[in-house]
PDB file of N, CA and C in Angstrom:
ATOM      1  N   MET A   1     112.786 116.379 103.421  1.00  0.00           N
ATOM      2  CA  MET A   1     111.625 115.749 104.005  1.00  0.00           C
ATOM      3  C   MET A   1     111.947 115.445 105.471  1.00  0.00           C
ATOM      4  N   LYS A   2     111.024 115.809 106.347  1.00  0.00           N
ATOM      5  CA  LYS A   2     111.217 115.542 107.763  1.00  0.00           C
ATOM      6  C   LYS A   2     111.244 114.041 108.016  1.00  0.00           C
ATOM      7  N   LEU A   3     112.036 113.645 108.989  1.00  0.00           N
ATOM      8  CA  LEU A   3     112.154 112.238 109.342  1.00  0.00           C
ATOM      9  C   LEU A   3     110.793 111.659 109.728  1.00  0.00           C
ATOM     10  N   GLU A   4     110.008 112.434 110.464  1.00  0.00           N
ATOM     11  CA  GLU A   4     108.680 111.966 110.882  1.00  0.00           C
ATOM     12  C   GLU A   4     107.790 111.679 109.674  1.00  0.00           C
ATOM     13  N   HIS A   5     107.818 112.561 108.691  1.00  0.00           N
ATOM     14  CA  HIS A   5     107.015 112.369 107.481  1.00  0.00           C
ATOM     15  C   HIS A   5     107.504 111.139 106.707  1.00  0.00           C
ATOM     16  N   LYS A   6     108.814 110.965 106.666  1.00  0.00           N
ATOM     17  CA  LYS A   6     109.387 109.807 105.985  1.00  0.00           C
ATOM     18  C   LYS A   6     108.955 108.512 106.675  1.00  0.00           C
ATOM     19  N   LYS A   7     108.961 108.502 108.001  1.00  0.00           N
ATOM     20  CA  LYS A   7     108.533 107.323 108.754  1.00  0.00           C
ATOM     21  C   LYS A   7     107.053 107.038 108.523  1.00  0.00           C
ATOM     22  N   ASN A   8     106.233 108.077 108.442  1.00  0.00           N
ATOM     23  CA  ASN A   8     104.807 107.889 108.187  1.00  0.00           C
ATOM     24  C   ASN A   8     104.573 107.257 106.820  1.00  0.00           C
ATOM     25  N   LYS A   9     105.315 107.726 105.813  1.00  0.00           N
ATOM     26  CA  LYS A   9     105.185 107.153 104.470  1.00  0.00           C
ATOM     27  C   LYS A   9     105.649 105.706 104.460  1.00  0.00           C
ATOM     28  N   GLU A  10     106.714 105.414 105.202  1.00  0.00           N
ATOM     29  CA  GLU A  10     107.221 104.049 105.293  1.00  0.00           C
ATOM     30  C   GLU A  10     106.199 103.142 105.985  1.00  0.00           C
ATOM     31  N   PHE A  11     105.578 103.644 107.051  1.00  0.00           N
ATOM     32  CA  PHE A  11     104.552 102.888 107.760  1.00  0.00           C
ATOM     33  C   PHE A  11     103.386 102.560 106.824  1.00  0.00           C
ATOM     34  N   TYR A  12     102.923 103.557 106.090  1.00  0.00           N
ATOM     35  CA  TYR A  12     101.813 103.360 105.157  1.00  0.00           C
ATOM     36  C   TYR A  12     102.180 102.323 104.089  1.00  0.00           C
ATOM     37  N   LYS A  13     103.382 102.423 103.550  1.00  0.00           N
ATOM     38  CA  LYS A  13     103.833 101.482 102.519  1.00  0.00           C
ATOM     39  C   LYS A  13     103.879 100.058 103.071  1.00  0.00           C
ATOM     40  N   ASN A  14     104.450  99.910 104.261  1.00  0.00           N
ATOM     41  CA  ASN A  14     104.533  98.585 104.875  1.00  0.00           C
ATOM     42  C   ASN A  14     103.153  97.999 105.160  1.00  0.00           C
ATOM     43  N   CYS A  15     102.226  98.825 105.602  1.00  0.00           N
ATOM     44  CA  CYS A  15     100.862  98.358 105.859  1.00  0.00           C
ATOM     45  C   CYS A  15     100.195  97.910 104.562  1.00  0.00           C
ATOM     46  N   THR A  16     100.413  98.657 103.494  1.00  0.00           N
ATOM     47  CA  THR A  16      99.848  98.298 102.203  1.00  0.00           C
ATOM     48  C   THR A  16     100.369  96.939 101.749  1.00  0.00           C
ATOM     49  N   ILE A  17     101.662  96.711 101.916  1.00  0.00           N
ATOM     50  CA  ILE A  17     102.261  95.425 101.560  1.00  0.00           C
ATOM     51  C   ILE A  17     101.658  94.310 102.408  1.00  0.00           C
ATOM     52  N   TYR A  18     101.506  94.571 103.685  1.00  0.00           N
ATOM     53  CA  TYR A  18     100.937  93.565 104.590  1.00  0.00           C
ATOM     54  C   TYR A  18      99.492  93.228 104.214  1.00  0.00           C
ATOM     55  N   PHE A  19      98.683  94.245 103.942  1.00  0.00           N
ATOM     56  CA  PHE A  19      97.287  93.994 103.554  1.00  0.00           C
ATOM     57  C   PHE A  19      97.211  93.214 102.239  1.00  0.00           C
ATOM     58  N   GLU A  20      98.094  93.516 101.303  1.00  0.00           N
ATOM     59  CA  GLU A  20      98.128  92.785 100.038  1.00  0.00           C
ATOM     60  C   GLU A  20      98.499  91.324 100.282  1.00  0.00           C
ATOM     61  N   PHE A  21      99.467  91.084 101.154  1.00  0.00           N
ATOM     62  CA  PHE A  21      99.860  89.734 101.532  1.00  0.00           C
ATOM     63  C   PHE A  21      98.672  88.965 102.118  1.00  0.00           C
ATOM     64  N   LEU A  22      97.918  89.604 103.003  1.00  0.00           N
ATOM     65  CA  LEU A  22      96.747  88.957 103.605  1.00  0.00           C
ATOM     66  C   LEU A  22      95.693  88.634 102.556  1.00  0.00           C
ATOM     67  N   ARG A  23      95.465  89.563 101.629  1.00  0.00           N
ATOM     68  CA  ARG A  23      94.469  89.323 100.570  1.00  0.00           C
ATOM     69  C   ARG A  23      94.854  88.114  99.731  1.00  0.00           C
ATOM     70  N   LYS A  24      96.136  88.007  99.402  1.00  0.00           N
ATOM     71  CA  LYS A  24      96.593  86.880  98.594  1.00  0.00           C
ATOM     72  C   LYS A  24      96.445  85.561  99.339  1.00  0.00           C
ATOM     73  N   LYS A  25      96.626  85.593 100.655  1.00  0.00           N
ATOM     74  CA  LYS A  25      96.462  84.390 101.464  1.00  0.00           C
ATOM     75  C   LYS A  25      94.994  84.078 101.730  1.00  0.00           C
ATOM     76  N   GLY A  26      94.137  85.070 101.572  1.00  0.00           N
ATOM     77  CA  GLY A  26      92.718  84.900 101.848  1.00  0.00           C
ATOM     78  C   GLY A  26      92.392  84.931 103.330  1.00  0.00           C
ATOM     79  N   THR A  27      93.231  85.641 104.107  1.00  0.00           N
ATOM     80  CA  THR A  27      93.000  85.736 105.546  1.00  0.00           C
ATOM     81  C   THR A  27      92.850  87.194 105.953  1.00  0.00           C
ATOM     82  N   MET A  28      92.431  87.393 107.190  1.00  0.00           N
ATOM     83  CA  MET A  28      92.252  88.744 107.731  1.00  0.00           C
ATOM     84  C   MET A  28      92.984  88.845 109.058  1.00  0.00           C
ATOM     85  N   ASP A  29      93.441  90.029 109.377  1.00  0.00           N
ATOM     86  CA  ASP A  29      94.029  90.339 110.675  1.00  0.00           C
ATOM     87  C   ASP A  29      93.221  91.501 111.236  1.00  0.00           C
ATOM     88  N   TYR A  30      92.089  91.175 111.841  1.00  0.00           N
ATOM     89  CA  TYR A  30      91.161  92.213 112.289  1.00  0.00           C
ATOM     90  C   TYR A  30      91.764  93.105 113.371  1.00  0.00           C
ATOM     91  N   ASP A  31      92.581  92.543 114.243  1.00  0.00           N
ATOM     92  CA  ASP A  31      93.205  93.360 115.294  1.00  0.00           C
ATOM     93  C   ASP A  31      94.120  94.418 114.688  1.00  0.00           C
ATOM     94  N   PHE A  32      94.949  94.000 113.742  1.00  0.00           N
ATOM     95  CA  PHE A  32      95.843  94.961 113.100  1.00  0.00           C
ATOM     96  C   PHE A  32      95.048  95.967 112.271  1.00  0.00           C
ATOM     97  N   GLU A  33      94.050  95.485 111.553  1.00  0.00           N
ATOM     98  CA  GLU A  33      93.242  96.377 110.720  1.00  0.00           C
ATOM     99  C   GLU A  33      92.557  97.445 111.563  1.00  0.00           C
ATOM    100  N   ASP A  34      92.008  97.054 112.712  1.00  0.00           N
ATOM    101  CA  ASP A  34      91.381  98.036 113.606  1.00  0.00           C
ATOM    102  C   ASP A  34      92.392  99.076 114.063  1.00  0.00           C
ATOM    103  N   GLU A  35      93.568  98.613 114.459  1.00  0.00           N
ATOM    104  CA  GLU A  35      94.611  99.528 114.927  1.00  0.00           C
ATOM    105  C   GLU A  35      95.066 100.446 113.797  1.00  0.00           C
ATOM    106  N   TYR A  36      95.208  99.896 112.606  1.00  0.00           N
ATOM    107  CA  TYR A  36      95.632 100.683 111.446  1.00  0.00           C
ATOM    108  C   TYR A  36      94.639 101.805 111.157  1.00  0.00           C
ATOM    109  N   PHE A  37      93.357 101.482 111.082  1.00  0.00           N
ATOM    110  CA  PHE A  37      92.360 102.499 110.741  1.00  0.00           C
ATOM    111  C   PHE A  37      92.138 103.491 111.874  1.00  0.00           C
ATOM    112  N   PHE A  38      92.494 103.111 113.108  1.00  0.00           N
ATOM    113  CA  PHE A  38      92.433 104.042 114.224  1.00  0.00           C
ATOM    114  C   PHE A  38      93.642 104.990 114.185  1.00  0.00           C
ATOM    115  N   THR A  39      94.806 104.457 113.815  1.00  0.00           N
ATOM    116  CA  THR A  39      96.059 105.221 113.830  1.00  0.00           C
ATOM    117  C   THR A  39      96.235 106.089 112.590  1.00  0.00           C
ATOM    118  N   MET A  40      95.811 105.615 111.447  1.00  0.00           N
ATOM    119  CA  MET A  40      96.087 106.306 110.177  1.00  0.00           C
ATOM    120  C   MET A  40      95.614 107.762 110.154  1.00  0.00           C
ATOM    121  N   PRO A  41      94.398 108.094 110.635  1.00  0.00           N
ATOM    122  CA  PRO A  41      94.011 109.508 110.611  1.00  0.00           C
ATOM    123  C   PRO A  41      94.949 110.398 111.433  1.00  0.00           C
ATOM    124  N   ALA A  42      95.442 109.885 112.553  1.00  0.00           N
ATOM    125  CA  ALA A  42      96.362 110.674 113.374  1.00  0.00           C
ATOM    126  C   ALA A  42      97.667 110.924 112.633  1.00  0.00           C
ATOM    127  N   ILE A  43      98.143 109.918 111.932  1.00  0.00           N
ATOM    128  CA  ILE A  43      99.387 110.073 111.174  1.00  0.00           C
ATOM    129  C   ILE A  43      99.169 111.009 109.995  1.00  0.00           C
ATOM    130  N   SER A  44      98.053 110.882 109.318  1.00  0.00           N
ATOM    131  CA  SER A  44      97.786 111.675 108.115  1.00  0.00           C
ATOM    132  C   SER A  44      97.600 113.160 108.431  1.00  0.00           C
ATOM    133  N   ASN A  45      97.055 113.468 109.596  1.00  0.00           N
ATOM    134  CA  ASN A  45      96.767 114.860 109.944  1.00  0.00           C
ATOM    135  C   ASN A  45      97.920 115.552 110.611  1.00  0.00           C
ATOM    136  N   HIS A  46      99.005 114.863 110.869  1.00  0.00           N
ATOM    137  CA  HIS A  46     100.124 115.464 111.581  1.00  0.00           C
ATOM    138  C   HIS A  46     100.933 116.293 110.677  1.00  0.00           C
TER     139      HIS A  46
END
């Protein structure tokens, strides 16, 4: 597995953990969420 692909999977996993943490706290991080949804398609299509 290419290092870049491994890093992308790690990024996705970490984001999922972070979003789950926010849901449990009942809070939102709109700045991060906007950046995530803007960045994710670029990572997924690479």
